[in-house]
Amino acid sequence: MSGLRVGITGSSGLIGTALQQALTDADHVPVPIVRRAARPGEIEWSPSEGRLAASDIADLDAVVNLAGVGIGDQRWSESYRKLIRSSRLDGTSLLTRTFHELGDDAPSVLVNASAVGFYGDRGDELLTEASPPGEGFLPDVCIDWEQAANEAADTSRVVMLRTGIVLTTDGGALTKLLPLFKFGLGGRFGDGRQWWSWITLHDEVRAIIHAITSDVTGPLNLTAPQPVTNREFTDVLGDVLHRPTLIPIPSFGPKLVVGADLAQSLLFDSARVLPSALIDSGFTFDHGDLTTALHAVLGR
């Protein structure tokens, strides 16, 4: 399937930028949906003001909604928690209202971001799309975010992307870890037994395009089929970089630097997530194991 017009919110972000290029390479037409004044080939919207012209998205085949402030960009003050929530729910609700306004003329697909934060801290439990949500701030945000997206289910096919740790050198968690590890100062976080569910940026955008072009619906775990513990992640990254990983990082360190709740959620919570629905829908990973993934990402 080629030649689809795909609207993208959050198009200037890490995933949105890569998705635009991947869509272009696959002969589709990415259409950024932006908050500033739109340039030719773009669509303007304002989630905070509830402004999006239905006529602007009527000729789109799909919308990929990636809008939302970064979870780990700053400490979780009360005001930033509200922003994390509103930056996701306001835009998603605006899109679904506009889909309803268009009715049969709405884009046929809404692919909406979510996160493995949906599952919360679950220890060694194997988690699939059928698993119930966890408890806490991030699960609550993801639950409401997905419910907002599902409001479009009566007009369009809706897919929710429960994305894990995205591996790339262009941003995100790996870029923050690399300086320590390159200097031989990297190590496990805490006891290292918490599960990290990851995916390369390359496979992330491939999976999003698969969600657009296949008939899959509902939640999709965008994680590689081999999640690893933090200890395993640390060892593999050290091996790929040819650096020792002997210095464990106690939990109080990151909690002092970025705040207890943020550090706990991003570094110490355990989510052993499997991409069951994604694999069942026919998707195959280019980077299915961590060693292959890190060699590809780091060019080593």
C-alpha atoms as a PDB file:
ATOM      1  CA  MET A   1       0.000   0.000   0.000  1.00  0.00           C
ATOM      2  CA  SER A   2       1.590   3.271  -1.109  1.00  0.00           C
ATOM      3  CA  GLY A   3       0.701   6.906  -1.518  1.00  0.00           C
ATOM      4  CA  LEU A   4      -1.078   7.362   1.835  1.00  0.00           C
ATOM      5  CA  ARG A   5      -1.373  10.845   3.289  1.00  0.00           C
ATOM      6  CA  VAL A   6      -0.470  10.556   6.969  1.00  0.00           C
ATOM      7  CA  GLY A   7      -0.939  13.417   9.421  1.00  0.00           C
ATOM      8  CA  ILE A   8       1.584  13.446  12.268  1.00  0.00           C
ATOM      9  CA  THR A   9       1.311  15.376  15.526  1.00  0.00           C
ATOM     10  CA  GLY A  10       4.556  15.632  17.460  1.00  0.00           C
ATOM     11  CA  SER A  11       6.221  15.537  14.051  1.00  0.00           C
ATOM     12  CA  SER A  12       9.336  17.427  15.183  1.00  0.00           C
ATOM     13  CA  GLY A  13      10.071  15.017  18.038  1.00  0.00           C
ATOM     14  CA  LEU A  14      12.461  12.085  18.061  1.00  0.00           C
ATOM     15  CA  ILE A  15       9.999   9.506  16.732  1.00  0.00           C
ATOM     16  CA  GLY A  16       8.043  11.960  14.578  1.00  0.00           C
ATOM     17  CA  THR A  17      11.133  13.103  12.698  1.00  0.00           C
ATOM     18  CA  ALA A  18      12.219   9.538  11.962  1.00  0.00           C
ATOM     19  CA  LEU A  19       8.668   8.568  10.997  1.00  0.00           C
ATOM     20  CA  GLN A  20       8.435  11.377   8.450  1.00  0.00           C
ATOM     21  CA  GLN A  21      11.570  10.114   6.710  1.00  0.00           C
ATOM     22  CA  ALA A  22      10.450   6.486   6.811  1.00  0.00           C
ATOM     23  CA  LEU A  23       7.043   7.357   5.348  1.00  0.00           C
ATOM     24  CA  THR A  24       8.677   9.337   2.557  1.00  0.00           C
ATOM     25  CA  ASP A  25      11.043   6.452   1.818  1.00  0.00           C
ATOM     26  CA  ALA A  26       8.003   4.147   1.578  1.00  0.00           C
ATOM     27  CA  ASP A  27       6.287   6.456  -0.959  1.00  0.00           C
ATOM     28  CA  HIS A  28       3.766   7.840   1.526  1.00  0.00           C
ATOM     29  CA  VAL A  29       3.176  11.526   2.208  1.00  0.00           C
ATOM     30  CA  PRO A  30       3.797  12.743   5.766  1.00  0.00           C
ATOM     31  CA  VAL A  31       1.758  15.814   6.719  1.00  0.00           C
ATOM     32  CA  PRO A  32       3.026  17.505   9.905  1.00  0.00           C
ATOM     33  CA  ILE A  33       0.311  18.819  12.217  1.00  0.00           C
ATOM     34  CA  VAL A  34       1.940  21.762  14.015  1.00  0.00           C
ATOM     35  CA  ARG A  35       1.172  24.348  16.696  1.00  0.00           C
ATOM     36  CA  ARG A  36       2.956  27.220  14.919  1.00  0.00           C
ATOM     37  CA  ALA A  37       1.747  28.843  11.703  1.00  0.00           C
ATOM     38  CA  ALA A  38       1.533  26.084   9.112  1.00  0.00           C
ATOM     39  CA  ARG A  39       3.853  26.079   6.121  1.00  0.00           C
ATOM     40  CA  PRO A  40       2.795  24.578   2.771  1.00  0.00           C
ATOM     41  CA  GLY A  41       2.130  20.862   3.248  1.00  0.00           C
ATOM     42  CA  GLU A  42       1.410  21.249   6.970  1.00  0.00           C
ATOM     43  CA  ILE A  43      -1.743  21.548   9.099  1.00  0.00           C
ATOM     44  CA  GLU A  44      -2.086  23.950  12.027  1.00  0.00           C
ATOM     45  CA  TRP A  45      -3.797  23.048  15.278  1.00  0.00           C
ATOM     46  CA  SER A  46      -3.990  24.237  18.872  1.00  0.00           C
ATOM     47  CA  PRO A  47      -4.941  21.548  21.413  1.00  0.00           C
ATOM     48  CA  SER A  48      -5.009  24.053  24.285  1.00  0.00           C
ATOM     49  CA  GLU A  49      -7.535  26.189  22.384  1.00  0.00           C
ATOM     50  CA  GLY A  50      -9.423  23.218  20.950  1.00  0.00           C
ATOM     51  CA  ARG A  51      -8.684  24.390  17.419  1.00  0.00           C
ATOM     52  CA  LEU A  52      -8.374  22.036  14.438  1.00  0.00           C
ATOM     53  CA  ALA A  53     -10.282  22.569  11.195  1.00  0.00           C
ATOM     54  CA  ALA A  54     -12.058  19.375  10.190  1.00  0.00           C
ATOM     55  CA  SER A  55     -11.576  20.251   6.539  1.00  0.00           C
ATOM     56  CA  ASP A  56      -7.804  20.235   7.037  1.00  0.00           C
ATOM     57  CA  ILE A  57      -7.700  16.548   7.962  1.00  0.00           C
ATOM     58  CA  ALA A  58     -10.539  15.313   5.752  1.00  0.00           C
ATOM     59  CA  ASP A  59      -8.162  14.264   2.970  1.00  0.00           C
ATOM     60  CA  LEU A  60      -5.814  12.360   5.284  1.00  0.00           C
ATOM     61  CA  ASP A  61      -5.799   8.567   5.171  1.00  0.00           C
ATOM     62  CA  ALA A  62      -4.390   8.248   8.697  1.00  0.00           C
ATOM     63  CA  VAL A  63      -3.303  10.321  11.673  1.00  0.00           C
ATOM     64  CA  VAL A  64      -0.413   9.357  13.951  1.00  0.00           C
ATOM     65  CA  ASN A  65      -0.730  11.219  17.243  1.00  0.00           C
ATOM     66  CA  LEU A  66       2.634  11.486  18.997  1.00  0.00           C
ATOM     67  CA  ALA A  67       2.050  14.803  20.784  1.00  0.00           C
ATOM     68  CA  GLY A  68       3.045  15.145  24.444  1.00  0.00           C
ATOM     69  CA  VAL A  69       5.795  16.707  26.533  1.00  0.00           C
ATOM     70  CA  GLY A  70       8.707  14.464  27.466  1.00  0.00           C
ATOM     71  CA  ILE A  71       8.144  12.296  30.525  1.00  0.00           C
ATOM     72  CA  GLY A  72      11.768  12.616  31.584  1.00  0.00           C
ATOM     73  CA  ASP A  73      12.461  16.202  30.561  1.00  0.00           C
ATOM     74  CA  GLN A  74      12.250  17.620  34.089  1.00  0.00           C
ATOM     75  CA  ARG A  75      11.272  16.844  37.669  1.00  0.00           C
ATOM     76  CA  TRP A  76       7.671  15.870  38.243  1.00  0.00           C
ATOM     77  CA  SER A  77       6.420  18.942  40.036  1.00  0.00           C
ATOM     78  CA  GLU A  78       2.672  19.173  40.431  1.00  0.00           C
ATOM     79  CA  SER A  79       2.501  21.598  37.510  1.00  0.00           C
ATOM     80  CA  TYR A  80       4.619  19.349  35.280  1.00  0.00           C
ATOM     81  CA  ARG A  81       2.461  16.326  36.108  1.00  0.00           C
ATOM     82  CA  LYS A  82      -0.545  18.338  34.924  1.00  0.00           C
ATOM     83  CA  LEU A  83       1.330  19.254  31.745  1.00  0.00           C
ATOM     84  CA  ILE A  84       2.289  15.626  31.060  1.00  0.00           C
ATOM     85  CA  ARG A  85      -1.372  14.745  31.290  1.00  0.00           C
ATOM     86  CA  SER A  86      -2.913  17.703  29.466  1.00  0.00           C
ATOM     87  CA  SER A  87      -0.382  17.651  26.615  1.00  0.00           C
ATOM     88  CA  ARG A  88      -1.572  14.132  25.805  1.00  0.00           C
ATOM     89  CA  LEU A  89      -5.266  14.216  26.578  1.00  0.00           C
ATOM     90  CA  ASP A  90      -6.092  17.639  25.110  1.00  0.00           C
ATOM     91  CA  GLY A  91      -4.671  16.805  21.699  1.00  0.00           C
ATOM     92  CA  THR A  92      -6.110  13.298  21.597  1.00  0.00           C
ATOM     93  CA  SER A  93      -9.568  14.506  22.585  1.00  0.00           C
ATOM     94  CA  LEU A  94      -9.405  17.270  19.971  1.00  0.00           C
ATOM     95  CA  LEU A  95      -8.544  14.721  17.285  1.00  0.00           C
ATOM     96  CA  THR A  96     -11.358  12.358  18.222  1.00  0.00           C
ATOM     97  CA  ARG A  97     -13.894  15.203  18.325  1.00  0.00           C
ATOM     98  CA  THR A  98     -12.767  16.241  14.867  1.00  0.00           C
ATOM     99  CA  PHE A  99     -13.030  12.645  13.626  1.00  0.00           C
ATOM    100  CA  HIS A 100     -16.616  12.594  14.909  1.00  0.00           C
ATOM    101  CA  GLU A 101     -17.346  15.876  13.163  1.00  0.00           C
ATOM    102  CA  LEU A 102     -16.187  14.334   9.893  1.00  0.00           C
ATOM    103  CA  GLY A 103     -18.048  11.056  10.417  1.00  0.00           C
ATOM    104  CA  ASP A 104     -17.656   8.844   7.343  1.00  0.00           C
ATOM    105  CA  ASP A 105     -15.128  11.305   5.930  1.00  0.00           C
ATOM    106  CA  ALA A 106     -12.747  10.959   8.885  1.00  0.00           C
ATOM    107  CA  PRO A 107      -9.274   9.475   8.330  1.00  0.00           C
ATOM    108  CA  SER A 108      -9.646   5.707   8.312  1.00  0.00           C
ATOM    109  CA  VAL A 109      -6.931   5.140  10.938  1.00  0.00           C
ATOM    110  CA  LEU A 110      -5.894   6.818  14.193  1.00  0.00           C
ATOM    111  CA  VAL A 111      -2.577   5.542  15.510  1.00  0.00           C
ATOM    112  CA  ASN A 112      -2.180   7.013  18.972  1.00  0.00           C
ATOM    113  CA  ALA A 113       0.889   7.003  21.184  1.00  0.00           C
ATOM    114  CA  SER A 114       0.862   5.323  24.579  1.00  0.00           C
ATOM    115  CA  ALA A 115       3.639   3.693  26.612  1.00  0.00           C
ATOM    116  CA  VAL A 116       4.630   0.598  28.545  1.00  0.00           C
ATOM    117  CA  GLY A 117       4.098   2.852  31.550  1.00  0.00           C
ATOM    118  CA  PHE A 118       0.534   1.531  31.206  1.00  0.00           C
ATOM    119  CA  TYR A 119       1.651  -1.588  33.095  1.00  0.00           C
ATOM    120  CA  GLY A 120       3.397   0.097  36.009  1.00  0.00           C
ATOM    121  CA  ASP A 121       5.888  -1.783  38.212  1.00  0.00           C
ATOM    122  CA  ARG A 122       5.194  -5.508  37.735  1.00  0.00           C
ATOM    123  CA  GLY A 123       8.361  -7.389  38.744  1.00  0.00           C
ATOM    124  CA  ASP A 124       8.985 -10.550  36.690  1.00  0.00           C
ATOM    125  CA  GLU A 125       5.402 -10.857  35.395  1.00  0.00           C
ATOM    126  CA  LEU A 126       5.164 -11.448  31.649  1.00  0.00           C
ATOM    127  CA  LEU A 127       3.006  -8.672  30.201  1.00  0.00           C
ATOM    128  CA  THR A 128       1.064  -8.724  26.946  1.00  0.00           C
ATOM    129  CA  GLU A 129      -1.594  -6.444  25.525  1.00  0.00           C
ATOM    130  CA  ALA A 130      -4.166  -8.528  27.431  1.00  0.00           C
ATOM    131  CA  SER A 131      -2.570  -7.724  30.810  1.00  0.00           C
ATOM    132  CA  PRO A 132      -4.395  -5.272  33.094  1.00  0.00           C
ATOM    133  CA  PRO A 133      -2.953  -1.826  33.806  1.00  0.00           C
ATOM    134  CA  GLY A 134      -0.786  -1.056  36.763  1.00  0.00           C
ATOM    135  CA  GLU A 135      -1.228   1.563  39.450  1.00  0.00           C
ATOM    136  CA  GLY A 136       0.308   4.989  39.793  1.00  0.00           C
ATOM    137  CA  PHE A 137       0.747   8.223  37.886  1.00  0.00           C
ATOM    138  CA  LEU A 138       1.977   6.870  34.549  1.00  0.00           C
ATOM    139  CA  PRO A 139      -0.536   3.999  34.362  1.00  0.00           C
ATOM    140  CA  ASP A 140      -3.333   6.459  35.125  1.00  0.00           C
ATOM    141  CA  VAL A 141      -2.161   8.808  32.365  1.00  0.00           C
ATOM    142  CA  CYS A 142      -1.883   5.946  29.856  1.00  0.00           C
ATOM    143  CA  ILE A 143      -5.320   4.558  30.760  1.00  0.00           C
ATOM    144  CA  ASP A 144      -6.993   7.925  30.194  1.00  0.00           C
ATOM    145  CA  TRP A 145      -4.902   8.595  27.076  1.00  0.00           C
ATOM    146  CA  GLU A 146      -5.985   5.310  25.482  1.00  0.00           C
ATOM    147  CA  GLN A 147      -9.603   5.855  26.469  1.00  0.00           C
ATOM    148  CA  ALA A 148      -9.499   9.273  24.797  1.00  0.00           C
ATOM    149  CA  ALA A 149      -8.132   7.708  21.595  1.00  0.00           C
ATOM    150  CA  ASN A 150     -10.778   4.994  21.636  1.00  0.00           C
ATOM    151  CA  GLU A 151     -13.454   7.670  21.318  1.00  0.00           C
ATOM    152  CA  ALA A 152     -12.657   7.551  17.581  1.00  0.00           C
ATOM    153  CA  ALA A 153     -13.384   3.831  17.321  1.00  0.00           C
ATOM    154  CA  ASP A 154     -16.882   4.413  15.934  1.00  0.00           C
ATOM    155  CA  THR A 155     -15.482   6.271  12.912  1.00  0.00           C
ATOM    156  CA  SER A 156     -12.013   4.808  12.384  1.00  0.00           C
ATOM    157  CA  ARG A 157      -9.657   1.966  13.193  1.00  0.00           C
ATOM    158  CA  VAL A 158      -7.757   2.885  16.363  1.00  0.00           C
ATOM    159  CA  VAL A 159      -4.336   1.573  17.405  1.00  0.00           C
ATOM    160  CA  MET A 160      -2.566   2.459  20.673  1.00  0.00           C
ATOM    161  CA  LEU A 161       1.229   2.218  20.674  1.00  0.00           C
ATOM    162  CA  ARG A 162       2.575   1.107  24.051  1.00  0.00           C
ATOM    163  CA  THR A 163       6.185   2.021  23.358  1.00  0.00           C
ATOM    164  CA  GLY A 164       9.118   0.917  25.482  1.00  0.00           C
ATOM    165  CA  ILE A 165      12.626   2.400  25.769  1.00  0.00           C
ATOM    166  CA  VAL A 166      13.528   3.626  22.275  1.00  0.00           C
ATOM    167  CA  LEU A 167      17.185   2.998  21.431  1.00  0.00           C
ATOM    168  CA  THR A 168      18.863   5.607  19.242  1.00  0.00           C
ATOM    169  CA  THR A 169      21.833   7.933  19.419  1.00  0.00           C
ATOM    170  CA  ASP A 170      19.606  10.848  18.379  1.00  0.00           C
ATOM    171  CA  GLY A 171      18.049  11.289  21.830  1.00  0.00           C
ATOM    172  CA  GLY A 172      16.286   9.489  24.643  1.00  0.00           C
ATOM    173  CA  ALA A 173      17.611   7.210  27.362  1.00  0.00           C
ATOM    174  CA  LEU A 174      20.578   5.714  25.511  1.00  0.00           C
ATOM    175  CA  THR A 175      22.159   9.085  24.778  1.00  0.00           C
ATOM    176  CA  LYS A 176      22.069   9.874  28.490  1.00  0.00           C
ATOM    177  CA  LEU A 177      23.733   6.565  29.378  1.00  0.00           C
ATOM    178  CA  LEU A 178      26.455   6.572  26.731  1.00  0.00           C
ATOM    179  CA  PRO A 179      28.831   9.171  28.245  1.00  0.00           C
ATOM    180  CA  LEU A 180      29.083   7.241  31.519  1.00  0.00           C
ATOM    181  CA  PHE A 181      29.565   3.913  29.781  1.00  0.00           C
ATOM    182  CA  LYS A 182      32.127   5.219  27.293  1.00  0.00           C
ATOM    183  CA  PHE A 183      34.268   6.392  30.209  1.00  0.00           C
ATOM    184  CA  GLY A 184      33.934   3.020  31.931  1.00  0.00           C
ATOM    185  CA  LEU A 185      31.744   4.459  34.677  1.00  0.00           C
ATOM    186  CA  GLY A 186      28.519   2.680  33.750  1.00  0.00           C
ATOM    187  CA  GLY A 187      26.839   0.051  35.855  1.00  0.00           C
ATOM    188  CA  ARG A 188      23.511  -1.453  36.772  1.00  0.00           C
ATOM    189  CA  PHE A 189      20.848   0.684  38.421  1.00  0.00           C
ATOM    190  CA  GLY A 190      20.125  -0.573  41.925  1.00  0.00           C
ATOM    191  CA  ASP A 191      20.138  -4.389  42.009  1.00  0.00           C
ATOM    192  CA  GLY A 192      19.656  -4.512  38.225  1.00  0.00           C
ATOM    193  CA  ARG A 193      16.808  -7.024  38.409  1.00  0.00           C
ATOM    194  CA  GLN A 194      14.165  -4.664  36.999  1.00  0.00           C
ATOM    195  CA  TRP A 195      13.056  -5.509  33.459  1.00  0.00           C
ATOM    196  CA  TRP A 196      13.675  -2.997  30.680  1.00  0.00           C
ATOM    197  CA  SER A 197      11.546  -3.401  27.562  1.00  0.00           C
ATOM    198  CA  TRP A 198      13.199  -1.724  24.608  1.00  0.00           C
ATOM    199  CA  ILE A 199      12.935  -1.222  20.831  1.00  0.00           C
ATOM    200  CA  THR A 200      15.239   0.422  18.300  1.00  0.00           C
ATOM    201  CA  LEU A 201      14.031   3.624  16.660  1.00  0.00           C
ATOM    202  CA  HIS A 202      14.362   1.793  13.340  1.00  0.00           C
ATOM    203  CA  ASP A 203      11.884  -0.898  14.384  1.00  0.00           C
ATOM    204  CA  GLU A 204       9.669   1.649  16.153  1.00  0.00           C
ATOM    205  CA  VAL A 205       8.949   3.551  12.953  1.00  0.00           C
ATOM    206  CA  ARG A 206       8.609   0.324  10.971  1.00  0.00           C
ATOM    207  CA  ALA A 207       6.001  -0.862  13.499  1.00  0.00           C
ATOM    208  CA  ILE A 208       4.101   2.434  13.284  1.00  0.00           C
ATOM    209  CA  ILE A 209       3.910   2.148   9.503  1.00  0.00           C
ATOM    210  CA  HIS A 210       2.773  -1.467   9.959  1.00  0.00           C
ATOM    211  CA  ALA A 211       0.022  -0.207  12.279  1.00  0.00           C
ATOM    212  CA  ILE A 212      -1.072   2.264   9.602  1.00  0.00           C
ATOM    213  CA  THR A 213      -1.083  -0.169   6.687  1.00  0.00           C
ATOM    214  CA  SER A 214      -2.238  -3.445   8.293  1.00  0.00           C
ATOM    215  CA  ASP A 215      -5.647  -4.222   9.792  1.00  0.00           C
ATOM    216  CA  VAL A 216      -4.409  -4.425  13.392  1.00  0.00           C
ATOM    217  CA  THR A 217      -6.498  -2.664  16.021  1.00  0.00           C
ATOM    218  CA  GLY A 218      -6.348  -1.919  19.745  1.00  0.00           C
ATOM    219  CA  PRO A 219      -3.216  -1.794  21.901  1.00  0.00           C
ATOM    220  CA  LEU A 220       0.172  -2.796  20.459  1.00  0.00           C
ATOM    221  CA  ASN A 221       3.262  -3.269  22.593  1.00  0.00           C
ATOM    222  CA  LEU A 222       6.082  -1.637  20.645  1.00  0.00           C
ATOM    223  CA  THR A 223       8.894  -3.509  22.335  1.00  0.00           C
ATOM    224  CA  ALA A 224      11.406  -6.038  21.039  1.00  0.00           C
ATOM    225  CA  PRO A 225      10.582  -9.712  21.654  1.00  0.00           C
ATOM    226  CA  GLN A 226      13.486 -10.114  24.092  1.00  0.00           C
ATOM    227  CA  PRO A 227      13.172  -7.749  27.071  1.00  0.00           C
ATOM    228  CA  VAL A 228      16.179  -7.759  29.379  1.00  0.00           C
ATOM    229  CA  THR A 229      16.914  -6.959  32.976  1.00  0.00           C
ATOM    230  CA  ASN A 230      18.799  -3.775  33.674  1.00  0.00           C
ATOM    231  CA  ARG A 231      21.792  -5.905  34.667  1.00  0.00           C
ATOM    232  CA  GLU A 232      21.692  -7.655  31.276  1.00  0.00           C
ATOM    233  CA  PHE A 233      21.293  -4.345  29.473  1.00  0.00           C
ATOM    234  CA  THR A 234      24.300  -2.983  31.317  1.00  0.00           C
ATOM    235  CA  ASP A 235      26.454  -6.013  30.488  1.00  0.00           C
ATOM    236  CA  VAL A 236      25.546  -6.005  26.780  1.00  0.00           C
ATOM    237  CA  LEU A 237      26.105  -2.258  26.409  1.00  0.00           C
ATOM    238  CA  GLY A 238      29.498  -2.605  28.111  1.00  0.00           C
ATOM    239  CA  ASP A 239      30.455  -5.490  25.812  1.00  0.00           C
ATOM    240  CA  VAL A 240      29.461  -3.576  22.674  1.00  0.00           C
ATOM    241  CA  LEU A 241      31.431  -0.521  23.826  1.00  0.00           C
ATOM    242  CA  HIS A 242      34.333  -2.674  25.130  1.00  0.00           C
ATOM    243  CA  ARG A 243      34.123  -0.959  28.493  1.00  0.00           C
ATOM    244  CA  PRO A 244      33.834  -2.308  32.045  1.00  0.00           C
ATOM    245  CA  THR A 245      30.502  -2.024  33.862  1.00  0.00           C
ATOM    246  CA  LEU A 246      31.617  -2.561  37.423  1.00  0.00           C
ATOM    247  CA  ILE A 247      30.201   0.485  39.191  1.00  0.00           C
ATOM    248  CA  PRO A 248      26.585  -0.009  40.314  1.00  0.00           C
ATOM    249  CA  ILE A 249      24.483   3.112  40.588  1.00  0.00           C
ATOM    250  CA  PRO A 250      22.539   3.148  43.871  1.00  0.00           C
ATOM    251  CA  SER A 251      18.928   4.143  43.638  1.00  0.00           C
ATOM    252  CA  PHE A 252      19.324   7.220  45.823  1.00  0.00           C
ATOM    253  CA  GLY A 253      21.656   8.858  43.259  1.00  0.00           C
ATOM    254  CA  PRO A 254      19.214   9.334  40.350  1.00  0.00           C
ATOM    255  CA  LYS A 255      16.404  10.020  42.820  1.00  0.00           C
ATOM    256  CA  LEU A 256      18.369  12.939  44.258  1.00  0.00           C
ATOM    257  CA  VAL A 257      19.175  14.288  40.798  1.00  0.00           C
ATOM    258  CA  VAL A 258      15.796  14.053  39.014  1.00  0.00           C
ATOM    259  CA  GLY A 259      13.361  13.341  41.836  1.00  0.00           C
ATOM    260  CA  ALA A 260      12.206  10.107  43.436  1.00  0.00           C
ATOM    261  CA  ASP A 261       9.029   9.525  41.411  1.00  0.00           C
ATOM    262  CA  LEU A 262      10.600  10.197  38.014  1.00  0.00           C
ATOM    263  CA  ALA A 263      13.687   8.086  38.721  1.00  0.00           C
ATOM    264  CA  GLN A 264      11.588   5.231  40.086  1.00  0.00           C
ATOM    265  CA  SER A 265       9.268   5.184  37.081  1.00  0.00           C
ATOM    266  CA  LEU A 266      11.932   5.459  34.379  1.00  0.00           C
ATOM    267  CA  LEU A 267      14.835   3.507  35.867  1.00  0.00           C
ATOM    268  CA  PHE A 268      13.708   1.198  38.649  1.00  0.00           C
ATOM    269  CA  ASP A 269      10.158   0.090  37.801  1.00  0.00           C
ATOM    270  CA  SER A 270      10.061  -3.334  36.164  1.00  0.00           C
ATOM    271  CA  ALA A 271       7.978  -4.084  33.056  1.00  0.00           C
ATOM    272  CA  ARG A 272       8.670  -7.354  31.218  1.00  0.00           C
ATOM    273  CA  VAL A 273       6.646  -6.597  28.103  1.00  0.00           C
ATOM    274  CA  LEU A 274       6.141  -8.878  25.092  1.00  0.00           C
ATOM    275  CA  PRO A 275       4.927  -7.641  21.655  1.00  0.00           C
ATOM    276  CA  SER A 276       2.376 -10.446  21.283  1.00  0.00           C
ATOM    277  CA  ALA A 277      -0.229  -8.587  19.215  1.00  0.00           C
ATOM    278  CA  LEU A 278       2.402  -7.011  16.992  1.00  0.00           C
ATOM    279  CA  ILE A 279       3.978 -10.375  16.158  1.00  0.00           C
ATOM    280  CA  ASP A 280       0.569 -12.007  15.698  1.00  0.00           C
ATOM    281  CA  SER A 281      -0.275  -9.305  13.150  1.00  0.00           C
ATOM    282  CA  GLY A 282       2.659 -10.380  10.979  1.00  0.00           C
ATOM    283  CA  PHE A 283       5.332  -7.872  11.986  1.00  0.00           C
ATOM    284  CA  THR A 284       8.948  -9.071  12.053  1.00  0.00           C
ATOM    285  CA  PHE A 285      11.753  -7.252  13.857  1.00  0.00           C
ATOM    286  CA  ASP A 286      15.022  -6.271  12.216  1.00  0.00           C
ATOM    287  CA  HIS A 287      16.578  -5.912  15.672  1.00  0.00           C
ATOM    288  CA  GLY A 288      15.088  -8.614  17.864  1.00  0.00           C
ATOM    289  CA  ASP A 289      17.875  -9.065  20.409  1.00  0.00           C
ATOM    290  CA  LEU A 290      19.791  -6.449  22.338  1.00  0.00           C
ATOM    291  CA  THR A 291      23.271  -7.275  21.058  1.00  0.00           C
ATOM    292  CA  THR A 292      22.188  -6.957  17.426  1.00  0.00           C
ATOM    293  CA  ALA A 293      20.246  -3.802  18.274  1.00  0.00           C
ATOM    294  CA  LEU A 294      23.108  -1.999  20.017  1.00  0.00           C
ATOM    295  CA  HIS A 295      25.594  -2.912  17.300  1.00  0.00           C
ATOM    296  CA  ALA A 296      23.188  -1.464  14.728  1.00  0.00           C
ATOM    297  CA  VAL A 297      22.396   1.660  16.728  1.00  0.00           C
ATOM    298  CA  LEU A 298      25.992   2.389  17.712  1.00  0.00           C
ATOM    299  CA  GLY A 299      27.508   1.384  14.366  1.00  0.00           C
ATOM    300  CA  ARG A 300      29.940  -1.042  15.962  1.00  0.00           C
END
